Amino acid sequence: MGLTLTHIGGPTVLVDLEGWRILTDPTFDLPGRTYDFALGTSSTKTVGPALTPEDLGHVDVVLLSHDHHADNLDDSGRDLLADVDTVITTVPGARRINLPGVIGLRAGGTRVLHAPGRPDLTVTATPCRHGPPLSRPLVGAVIGFALSLDGSSRVSLWVTGDTVLHHALRSFASSHQVDVVLMHLGRVRFALTGPLRYSMDSGDALELLSLARPRVAVPVHFEGWSHFSEPEAQVRSQLTPERTRDLVRWLEPAVPSTL
């Protein structure tokens, strides 16, 4: 299997999978701006993208875990969507974006994409809960993505999306064969909601890896924004080769990594 990942920043990764060019959660705004989230919360972008949209070339598919938080889709990323053949996101997100080629999925939903000279690409929406129990009416719908080729039951790439570790996520991890997992971390917190967490941290990542047992794990989306409460240095010190069975690969910005 040919899989190359290029980290652009935050959750934004360019994926080349057997000829399919896939972009996750496009964020290309410059740093320094503060964005409003729900219930009076906000976050400031502190690190800019390593590449511009013009650097990418053609993109076949955008996988958008959710459209309503700027750290997953900002203004420059939103502008890019109109030029992409297929965008897969949540059902309410698809309604809000309202462009040709946008597909809305709920967790468990699947779409098979076809292209001449390439294997069929199956995209399955995976479960996310972007906060504590019962928080979905406030934080909105979020999904992750499992990609497989030519109908294989093995997941070539699992993008967790922004989520805490919860029952449905554990169940997916333990019941699927996963080759590479792209883990969204950072332990999002806001002063307004105190200790409540809205994404995984390195401890959750260790548990997830023990369940999924992938060939490679790639942490992303733990840096570059003020709402991450787990420092990058702590993420790296926790996910050591000894604790992760040497599964973790750290991506260098703008440098393609073949896994």
C-alpha atoms as a PDB file:
ATOM      1  CA  MET A   1       0.000   0.000   0.000  1.00  0.00           C
ATOM      2  CA  GLY A   2       1.329   3.425  -0.938  1.00  0.00           C
ATOM      3  CA  LEU A   3       0.532   5.998   1.776  1.00  0.00           C
ATOM      4  CA  THR A   4       2.233   9.380   2.136  1.00  0.00           C
ATOM      5  CA  LEU A   5       1.256  12.036   4.694  1.00  0.00           C
ATOM      6  CA  THR A   6       2.258  15.696   4.564  1.00  0.00           C
ATOM      7  CA  HIS A   7       1.419  17.727   7.668  1.00  0.00           C
ATOM      8  CA  ILE A   8       0.331  21.277   6.879  1.00  0.00           C
ATOM      9  CA  GLY A   9      -0.659  22.310  10.396  1.00  0.00           C
ATOM     10  CA  GLY A  10      -3.165  21.455  13.124  1.00  0.00           C
ATOM     11  CA  PRO A  11      -5.544  18.800  11.763  1.00  0.00           C
ATOM     12  CA  THR A  12      -4.669  19.574   8.140  1.00  0.00           C
ATOM     13  CA  VAL A  13      -2.829  16.737   6.415  1.00  0.00           C
ATOM     14  CA  LEU A  14      -2.400  15.994   2.722  1.00  0.00           C
ATOM     15  CA  VAL A  15      -2.844  12.259   2.176  1.00  0.00           C
ATOM     16  CA  ASP A  16      -1.665  10.422  -0.921  1.00  0.00           C
ATOM     17  CA  LEU A  17      -3.202   6.946  -0.834  1.00  0.00           C
ATOM     18  CA  GLU A  18      -2.633   4.808  -3.929  1.00  0.00           C
ATOM     19  CA  GLY A  19      -3.070   7.835  -6.176  1.00  0.00           C
ATOM     20  CA  TRP A  20      -5.950   9.418  -4.237  1.00  0.00           C
ATOM     21  CA  ARG A  21      -5.088  12.940  -3.040  1.00  0.00           C
ATOM     22  CA  ILE A  22      -7.041  13.614   0.130  1.00  0.00           C
ATOM     23  CA  LEU A  23      -6.985  16.650   2.425  1.00  0.00           C
ATOM     24  CA  THR A  24      -8.153  16.535   6.035  1.00  0.00           C
ATOM     25  CA  ASP A  25      -9.796  19.486   7.821  1.00  0.00           C
ATOM     26  CA  PRO A  26      -8.435  22.370   5.716  1.00  0.00           C
ATOM     27  CA  THR A  27      -7.035  25.277   7.761  1.00  0.00           C
ATOM     28  CA  PHE A  28      -4.872  27.844   5.957  1.00  0.00           C
ATOM     29  CA  ASP A  29      -5.473  31.164   7.726  1.00  0.00           C
ATOM     30  CA  LEU A  30      -2.436  33.038   9.034  1.00  0.00           C
ATOM     31  CA  PRO A  31      -1.766  32.995  12.800  1.00  0.00           C
ATOM     32  CA  GLY A  32      -2.717  35.709  15.277  1.00  0.00           C
ATOM     33  CA  ARG A  33      -6.478  35.740  14.927  1.00  0.00           C
ATOM     34  CA  THR A  34      -8.913  34.781  17.705  1.00  0.00           C
ATOM     35  CA  TYR A  35     -11.986  32.775  16.677  1.00  0.00           C
ATOM     36  CA  ASP A  36     -15.237  32.445  18.606  1.00  0.00           C
ATOM     37  CA  PHE A  37     -16.602  29.021  19.453  1.00  0.00           C
ATOM     38  CA  ALA A  38     -19.767  28.023  21.333  1.00  0.00           C
ATOM     39  CA  LEU A  39     -21.057  29.557  24.589  1.00  0.00           C
ATOM     40  CA  GLY A  40     -18.617  32.458  24.597  1.00  0.00           C
ATOM     41  CA  THR A  41     -15.483  30.332  24.289  1.00  0.00           C
ATOM     42  CA  SER A  42     -12.710  31.245  21.873  1.00  0.00           C
ATOM     43  CA  SER A  43      -9.230  30.256  20.741  1.00  0.00           C
ATOM     44  CA  THR A  44      -6.303  32.032  19.105  1.00  0.00           C
ATOM     45  CA  LYS A  45      -4.340  30.498  16.251  1.00  0.00           C
ATOM     46  CA  THR A  46      -0.657  30.694  17.164  1.00  0.00           C
ATOM     47  CA  VAL A  47       1.062  28.831  14.294  1.00  0.00           C
ATOM     48  CA  GLY A  48       0.415  29.275  10.582  1.00  0.00           C
ATOM     49  CA  PRO A  49       0.214  26.629   7.842  1.00  0.00           C
ATOM     50  CA  ALA A  50       3.389  25.106   6.437  1.00  0.00           C
ATOM     51  CA  LEU A  51       1.909  25.161   2.922  1.00  0.00           C
ATOM     52  CA  THR A  52      -0.604  27.324   1.074  1.00  0.00           C
ATOM     53  CA  PRO A  53      -3.588  26.040  -0.905  1.00  0.00           C
ATOM     54  CA  GLU A  54      -1.671  26.926  -4.074  1.00  0.00           C
ATOM     55  CA  ASP A  55       1.131  24.561  -3.020  1.00  0.00           C
ATOM     56  CA  LEU A  56      -1.149  21.534  -2.913  1.00  0.00           C
ATOM     57  CA  GLY A  57      -1.986  20.889  -6.548  1.00  0.00           C
ATOM     58  CA  HIS A  58      -5.157  18.952  -7.308  1.00  0.00           C
ATOM     59  CA  VAL A  59      -7.127  17.556  -4.362  1.00  0.00           C
ATOM     60  CA  ASP A  60      -9.642  14.775  -5.033  1.00  0.00           C
ATOM     61  CA  VAL A  61     -11.352  14.605  -1.647  1.00  0.00           C
ATOM     62  CA  VAL A  62     -11.631  16.736   1.478  1.00  0.00           C
ATOM     63  CA  LEU A  63     -12.453  14.893   4.695  1.00  0.00           C
ATOM     64  CA  LEU A  64     -14.003  17.504   6.983  1.00  0.00           C
ATOM     65  CA  SER A  65     -14.672  16.233  10.493  1.00  0.00           C
ATOM     66  CA  HIS A  66     -16.818  19.290  11.237  1.00  0.00           C
ATOM     67  CA  ASP A  67     -17.353  22.687   9.677  1.00  0.00           C
ATOM     68  CA  HIS A  68     -18.315  24.825  12.666  1.00  0.00           C
ATOM     69  CA  HIS A  69     -14.985  25.243  14.483  1.00  0.00           C
ATOM     70  CA  ALA A  70     -12.303  27.376  12.860  1.00  0.00           C
ATOM     71  CA  ASP A  71      -9.455  25.118  13.996  1.00  0.00           C
ATOM     72  CA  ASN A  72     -10.904  22.492  11.617  1.00  0.00           C
ATOM     73  CA  LEU A  73     -12.243  24.750   8.866  1.00  0.00           C
ATOM     74  CA  ASP A  74     -11.184  28.377   8.691  1.00  0.00           C
ATOM     75  CA  ASP A  75     -11.943  31.037   6.088  1.00  0.00           C
ATOM     76  CA  SER A  76      -9.121  30.090   3.705  1.00  0.00           C
ATOM     77  CA  GLY A  77      -9.982  26.405   4.050  1.00  0.00           C
ATOM     78  CA  ARG A  78     -13.619  27.119   3.301  1.00  0.00           C
ATOM     79  CA  ASP A  79     -12.634  28.969   0.124  1.00  0.00           C
ATOM     80  CA  LEU A  80     -10.819  25.840  -1.066  1.00  0.00           C
ATOM     81  CA  LEU A  81     -13.907  23.596  -0.876  1.00  0.00           C
ATOM     82  CA  ALA A  82     -15.482  24.892  -4.078  1.00  0.00           C
ATOM     83  CA  ASP A  83     -12.507  23.605  -6.115  1.00  0.00           C
ATOM     84  CA  VAL A  84     -12.576  20.050  -4.728  1.00  0.00           C
ATOM     85  CA  ASP A  85     -14.444  17.225  -6.442  1.00  0.00           C
ATOM     86  CA  THR A  86     -15.788  15.622  -3.252  1.00  0.00           C
ATOM     87  CA  VAL A  87     -16.163  16.874   0.319  1.00  0.00           C
ATOM     88  CA  ILE A  88     -17.299  14.402   2.984  1.00  0.00           C
ATOM     89  CA  THR A  89     -18.488  15.800   6.308  1.00  0.00           C
ATOM     90  CA  THR A  90     -21.334  15.580   8.823  1.00  0.00           C
ATOM     91  CA  VAL A  91     -24.968  15.714   7.729  1.00  0.00           C
ATOM     92  CA  PRO A  92     -25.628  19.176   9.247  1.00  0.00           C
ATOM     93  CA  GLY A  93     -22.252  20.349   7.929  1.00  0.00           C
ATOM     94  CA  ALA A  94     -23.188  19.326   4.392  1.00  0.00           C
ATOM     95  CA  ARG A  95     -26.395  21.334   4.672  1.00  0.00           C
ATOM     96  CA  ARG A  96     -24.530  24.403   5.891  1.00  0.00           C
ATOM     97  CA  ILE A  97     -21.800  24.226   3.236  1.00  0.00           C
ATOM     98  CA  ASN A  98     -24.348  23.626   0.469  1.00  0.00           C
ATOM     99  CA  LEU A  99     -21.955  23.083  -2.447  1.00  0.00           C
ATOM    100  CA  PRO A 100     -22.015  20.521  -5.276  1.00  0.00           C
ATOM    101  CA  GLY A 101     -20.067  17.395  -4.376  1.00  0.00           C
ATOM    102  CA  VAL A 102     -20.567  17.719  -0.618  1.00  0.00           C
ATOM    103  CA  ILE A 103     -21.663  14.482   1.060  1.00  0.00           C
ATOM    104  CA  GLY A 104     -23.019  14.278   4.597  1.00  0.00           C
ATOM    105  CA  LEU A 105     -22.503  11.117   6.642  1.00  0.00           C
ATOM    106  CA  ARG A 106     -23.440   9.973  10.127  1.00  0.00           C
ATOM    107  CA  ALA A 107     -21.194   7.633  12.095  1.00  0.00           C
ATOM    108  CA  GLY A 108     -21.312   4.233  10.380  1.00  0.00           C
ATOM    109  CA  GLY A 109     -22.284   5.710   7.026  1.00  0.00           C
ATOM    110  CA  THR A 110     -20.202   4.824   3.988  1.00  0.00           C
ATOM    111  CA  ARG A 111     -19.484   6.231   0.548  1.00  0.00           C
ATOM    112  CA  VAL A 112     -17.460   4.464  -2.174  1.00  0.00           C
ATOM    113  CA  LEU A 113     -15.521   6.731  -4.536  1.00  0.00           C
ATOM    114  CA  HIS A 114     -14.384   5.651  -8.008  1.00  0.00           C
ATOM    115  CA  ALA A 115     -11.729   7.055 -10.337  1.00  0.00           C
ATOM    116  CA  PRO A 116     -10.061   5.638 -13.483  1.00  0.00           C
ATOM    117  CA  GLY A 117      -6.746   3.943 -12.799  1.00  0.00           C
ATOM    118  CA  ARG A 118      -7.130   3.980  -9.030  1.00  0.00           C
ATOM    119  CA  PRO A 119      -8.555   1.474  -6.533  1.00  0.00           C
ATOM    120  CA  ASP A 120     -12.043   2.161  -5.229  1.00  0.00           C
ATOM    121  CA  LEU A 121     -11.859   4.264  -2.074  1.00  0.00           C
ATOM    122  CA  THR A 122     -14.350   3.460   0.679  1.00  0.00           C
ATOM    123  CA  VAL A 123     -14.866   6.240   3.223  1.00  0.00           C
ATOM    124  CA  THR A 124     -16.675   5.267   6.426  1.00  0.00           C
ATOM    125  CA  ALA A 125     -17.660   7.842   9.021  1.00  0.00           C
ATOM    126  CA  THR A 126     -16.396   6.875  12.476  1.00  0.00           C
ATOM    127  CA  PRO A 127     -17.841   7.930  15.844  1.00  0.00           C
ATOM    128  CA  CYS A 128     -16.747  11.119  17.595  1.00  0.00           C
ATOM    129  CA  ARG A 129     -17.935  12.896  20.731  1.00  0.00           C
ATOM    130  CA  HIS A 130     -16.353  16.325  20.868  1.00  0.00           C
ATOM    131  CA  GLY A 131     -16.865  16.830  24.598  1.00  0.00           C
ATOM    132  CA  PRO A 132     -18.315  15.350  27.782  1.00  0.00           C
ATOM    133  CA  PRO A 133     -21.499  13.222  27.866  1.00  0.00           C
ATOM    134  CA  LEU A 134     -24.624  14.989  26.613  1.00  0.00           C
ATOM    135  CA  SER A 135     -22.585  17.811  25.067  1.00  0.00           C
ATOM    136  CA  ARG A 136     -23.500  17.217  21.423  1.00  0.00           C
ATOM    137  CA  PRO A 137     -26.350  19.787  21.344  1.00  0.00           C
ATOM    138  CA  LEU A 138     -23.744  22.386  22.358  1.00  0.00           C
ATOM    139  CA  VAL A 139     -20.622  21.268  20.482  1.00  0.00           C
ATOM    140  CA  GLY A 140     -22.364  19.934  17.360  1.00  0.00           C
ATOM    141  CA  ALA A 141     -21.903  16.856  15.203  1.00  0.00           C
ATOM    142  CA  VAL A 142     -18.379  15.561  14.471  1.00  0.00           C
ATOM    143  CA  ILE A 143     -17.151  12.466  12.620  1.00  0.00           C
ATOM    144  CA  GLY A 144     -13.862  10.722  11.938  1.00  0.00           C
ATOM    145  CA  PHE A 145     -12.989   8.733   8.834  1.00  0.00           C
ATOM    146  CA  ALA A 146     -11.869   5.194   8.049  1.00  0.00           C
ATOM    147  CA  LEU A 147     -10.424   4.711   4.551  1.00  0.00           C
ATOM    148  CA  SER A 148     -10.119   1.336   2.856  1.00  0.00           C
ATOM    149  CA  LEU A 149      -9.287   0.247  -0.684  1.00  0.00           C
ATOM    150  CA  ASP A 150     -11.096  -2.071  -3.102  1.00  0.00           C
ATOM    151  CA  GLY A 151     -13.585  -3.266  -0.522  1.00  0.00           C
ATOM    152  CA  SER A 152     -10.977  -4.529   1.931  1.00  0.00           C
ATOM    153  CA  SER A 153     -12.067  -4.916   5.547  1.00  0.00           C
ATOM    154  CA  ARG A 154      -8.693  -3.567   6.662  1.00  0.00           C
ATOM    155  CA  VAL A 155      -8.622   0.167   7.369  1.00  0.00           C
ATOM    156  CA  SER A 156      -5.735   1.745   5.479  1.00  0.00           C
ATOM    157  CA  LEU A 157      -6.054   5.050   7.351  1.00  0.00           C
ATOM    158  CA  TRP A 158      -8.196   6.029  10.333  1.00  0.00           C
ATOM    159  CA  VAL A 159      -8.559   9.744  11.060  1.00  0.00           C
ATOM    160  CA  THR A 160     -10.021   9.976  14.554  1.00  0.00           C
ATOM    161  CA  GLY A 161     -11.340  13.523  14.226  1.00  0.00           C
ATOM    162  CA  ASP A 162     -11.797  15.763  17.262  1.00  0.00           C
ATOM    163  CA  THR A 163     -13.145  13.499  19.991  1.00  0.00           C
ATOM    164  CA  VAL A 164     -12.764  12.417  23.565  1.00  0.00           C
ATOM    165  CA  LEU A 165     -12.158   8.761  24.323  1.00  0.00           C
ATOM    166  CA  HIS A 166     -15.586   7.183  24.787  1.00  0.00           C
ATOM    167  CA  HIS A 167     -17.354   3.852  24.377  1.00  0.00           C
ATOM    168  CA  ALA A 168     -18.100   4.076  20.658  1.00  0.00           C
ATOM    169  CA  LEU A 169     -14.506   5.083  19.876  1.00  0.00           C
ATOM    170  CA  ARG A 170     -13.113   2.220  21.958  1.00  0.00           C
ATOM    171  CA  SER A 171     -15.482  -0.176  20.225  1.00  0.00           C
ATOM    172  CA  PHE A 172     -14.381   0.927  16.761  1.00  0.00           C
ATOM    173  CA  ALA A 173     -10.697   0.690  17.698  1.00  0.00           C
ATOM    174  CA  SER A 174     -10.986  -2.814  19.098  1.00  0.00           C
ATOM    175  CA  SER A 175     -13.140  -4.216  16.300  1.00  0.00           C
ATOM    176  CA  HIS A 176     -11.233  -3.085  13.193  1.00  0.00           C
ATOM    177  CA  GLN A 177      -7.881  -3.874  11.653  1.00  0.00           C
ATOM    178  CA  VAL A 178      -6.147  -0.503  11.317  1.00  0.00           C
ATOM    179  CA  ASP A 179      -2.931   0.057   9.417  1.00  0.00           C
ATOM    180  CA  VAL A 180      -2.297   3.773  10.157  1.00  0.00           C
ATOM    181  CA  VAL A 181      -4.171   5.973  12.640  1.00  0.00           C
ATOM    182  CA  LEU A 182      -4.070   9.776  12.564  1.00  0.00           C
ATOM    183  CA  MET A 183      -4.871  10.845  16.141  1.00  0.00           C
ATOM    184  CA  HIS A 184      -6.289  14.275  17.028  1.00  0.00           C
ATOM    185  CA  LEU A 185      -4.981  15.134  20.502  1.00  0.00           C
ATOM    186  CA  GLY A 186      -4.243  18.324  22.500  1.00  0.00           C
ATOM    187  CA  ARG A 187      -6.755  17.999  25.397  1.00  0.00           C
ATOM    188  CA  VAL A 188      -8.911  20.981  24.444  1.00  0.00           C
ATOM    189  CA  ARG A 189     -10.162  22.949  27.442  1.00  0.00           C
ATOM    190  CA  PHE A 190     -11.681  26.389  27.971  1.00  0.00           C
ATOM    191  CA  ALA A 191     -11.527  28.568  31.081  1.00  0.00           C
ATOM    192  CA  LEU A 192     -15.304  28.997  30.924  1.00  0.00           C
ATOM    193  CA  THR A 193     -15.939  25.237  31.306  1.00  0.00           C
ATOM    194  CA  GLY A 194     -13.123  24.445  33.708  1.00  0.00           C
ATOM    195  CA  PRO A 195     -11.889  20.821  33.742  1.00  0.00           C
ATOM    196  CA  LEU A 196     -14.194  19.605  30.981  1.00  0.00           C
ATOM    197  CA  ARG A 197     -12.253  18.154  28.040  1.00  0.00           C
ATOM    198  CA  TYR A 198     -13.183  18.315  24.363  1.00  0.00           C
ATOM    199  CA  SER A 199     -10.459  16.174  22.769  1.00  0.00           C
ATOM    200  CA  MET A 200      -8.047  13.381  23.648  1.00  0.00           C
ATOM    201  CA  ASP A 201      -4.691  13.731  25.355  1.00  0.00           C
ATOM    202  CA  SER A 202      -1.588  11.555  25.265  1.00  0.00           C
ATOM    203  CA  GLY A 203      -2.951   9.223  27.944  1.00  0.00           C
ATOM    204  CA  ASP A 204      -6.040   8.594  25.836  1.00  0.00           C
ATOM    205  CA  ALA A 205      -3.789   8.009  22.846  1.00  0.00           C
ATOM    206  CA  LEU A 206      -1.942   5.263  24.713  1.00  0.00           C
ATOM    207  CA  GLU A 207      -5.214   3.519  25.533  1.00  0.00           C
ATOM    208  CA  LEU A 208      -6.461   3.899  21.968  1.00  0.00           C
ATOM    209  CA  LEU A 209      -3.263   2.355  20.611  1.00  0.00           C
ATOM    210  CA  SER A 210      -3.586  -0.587  22.969  1.00  0.00           C
ATOM    211  CA  LEU A 211      -7.045  -1.261  21.518  1.00  0.00           C
ATOM    212  CA  ALA A 212      -6.447  -0.559  17.821  1.00  0.00           C
ATOM    213  CA  ARG A 213      -2.892  -1.961  17.622  1.00  0.00           C
ATOM    214  CA  PRO A 214      -2.112  -0.169  14.324  1.00  0.00           C
ATOM    215  CA  ARG A 215       1.118  -0.537  12.379  1.00  0.00           C
ATOM    216  CA  VAL A 216       1.779   3.223  12.662  1.00  0.00           C
ATOM    217  CA  ALA A 217       0.264   6.013  14.782  1.00  0.00           C
ATOM    218  CA  VAL A 218       0.588   9.686  13.831  1.00  0.00           C
ATOM    219  CA  PRO A 219      -0.319  12.398  16.394  1.00  0.00           C
ATOM    220  CA  VAL A 220      -1.656  15.684  15.007  1.00  0.00           C
ATOM    221  CA  HIS A 221      -3.760  18.650  16.125  1.00  0.00           C
ATOM    222  CA  PHE A 222      -2.071  19.129  19.493  1.00  0.00           C
ATOM    223  CA  GLU A 223      -0.260  22.395  18.668  1.00  0.00           C
ATOM    224  CA  GLY A 224      -0.833  25.785  17.105  1.00  0.00           C
ATOM    225  CA  TRP A 225      -3.926  26.896  19.070  1.00  0.00           C
ATOM    226  CA  SER A 226      -4.422  28.430  22.504  1.00  0.00           C
ATOM    227  CA  HIS A 227      -7.221  26.044  23.535  1.00  0.00           C
ATOM    228  CA  PHE A 228      -4.889  23.034  23.760  1.00  0.00           C
ATOM    229  CA  SER A 229      -4.177  22.405  27.441  1.00  0.00           C
ATOM    230  CA  GLU A 230      -1.611  19.605  27.073  1.00  0.00           C
ATOM    231  CA  PRO A 231       1.756  21.116  26.101  1.00  0.00           C
ATOM    232  CA  GLU A 232       3.414  19.752  22.999  1.00  0.00           C
ATOM    233  CA  ALA A 233       6.460  18.746  25.035  1.00  0.00           C
ATOM    234  CA  GLN A 234       4.266  16.617  27.286  1.00  0.00           C
ATOM    235  CA  VAL A 235       2.584  14.914  24.331  1.00  0.00           C
ATOM    236  CA  ARG A 236       5.979  13.977  22.940  1.00  0.00           C
ATOM    237  CA  SER A 237       7.372  12.852  26.289  1.00  0.00           C
ATOM    238  CA  GLN A 238       4.376  10.606  26.958  1.00  0.00           C
ATOM    239  CA  LEU A 239       4.284   8.971  23.530  1.00  0.00           C
ATOM    240  CA  THR A 240       7.784   7.531  23.775  1.00  0.00           C
ATOM    241  CA  PRO A 241       8.931   4.504  21.763  1.00  0.00           C
ATOM    242  CA  GLU A 242       8.946   2.406  24.944  1.00  0.00           C
ATOM    243  CA  ARG A 243       5.318   3.240  25.802  1.00  0.00           C
ATOM    244  CA  THR A 244       3.949   3.022  22.266  1.00  0.00           C
ATOM    245  CA  ARG A 245       5.813  -0.111  21.077  1.00  0.00           C
ATOM    246  CA  ASP A 246       7.679   2.185  18.669  1.00  0.00           C
ATOM    247  CA  LEU A 247       4.493   2.799  16.641  1.00  0.00           C
ATOM    248  CA  VAL A 248       4.500   6.600  16.659  1.00  0.00           C
ATOM    249  CA  ARG A 249       5.753   8.685  13.739  1.00  0.00           C
ATOM    250  CA  TRP A 250       6.121  12.447  14.187  1.00  0.00           C
ATOM    251  CA  LEU A 251       5.511  14.427  11.011  1.00  0.00           C
ATOM    252  CA  GLU A 252       7.691  17.368  10.036  1.00  0.00           C
ATOM    253  CA  PRO A 253       5.684  20.307   8.615  1.00  0.00           C
ATOM    254  CA  ALA A 254       5.542  20.319   4.805  1.00  0.00           C
ATOM    255  CA  VAL A 255       7.749  17.194   4.563  1.00  0.00           C
ATOM    256  CA  PRO A 256       6.069  14.176   2.889  1.00  0.00           C
ATOM    257  CA  SER A 257       6.405  11.033   5.010  1.00  0.00           C
ATOM    258  CA  THR A 258       5.838   7.653   3.393  1.00  0.00           C
ATOM    259  CA  LEU A 259       4.495   5.153   5.929  1.00  0.00           C
END
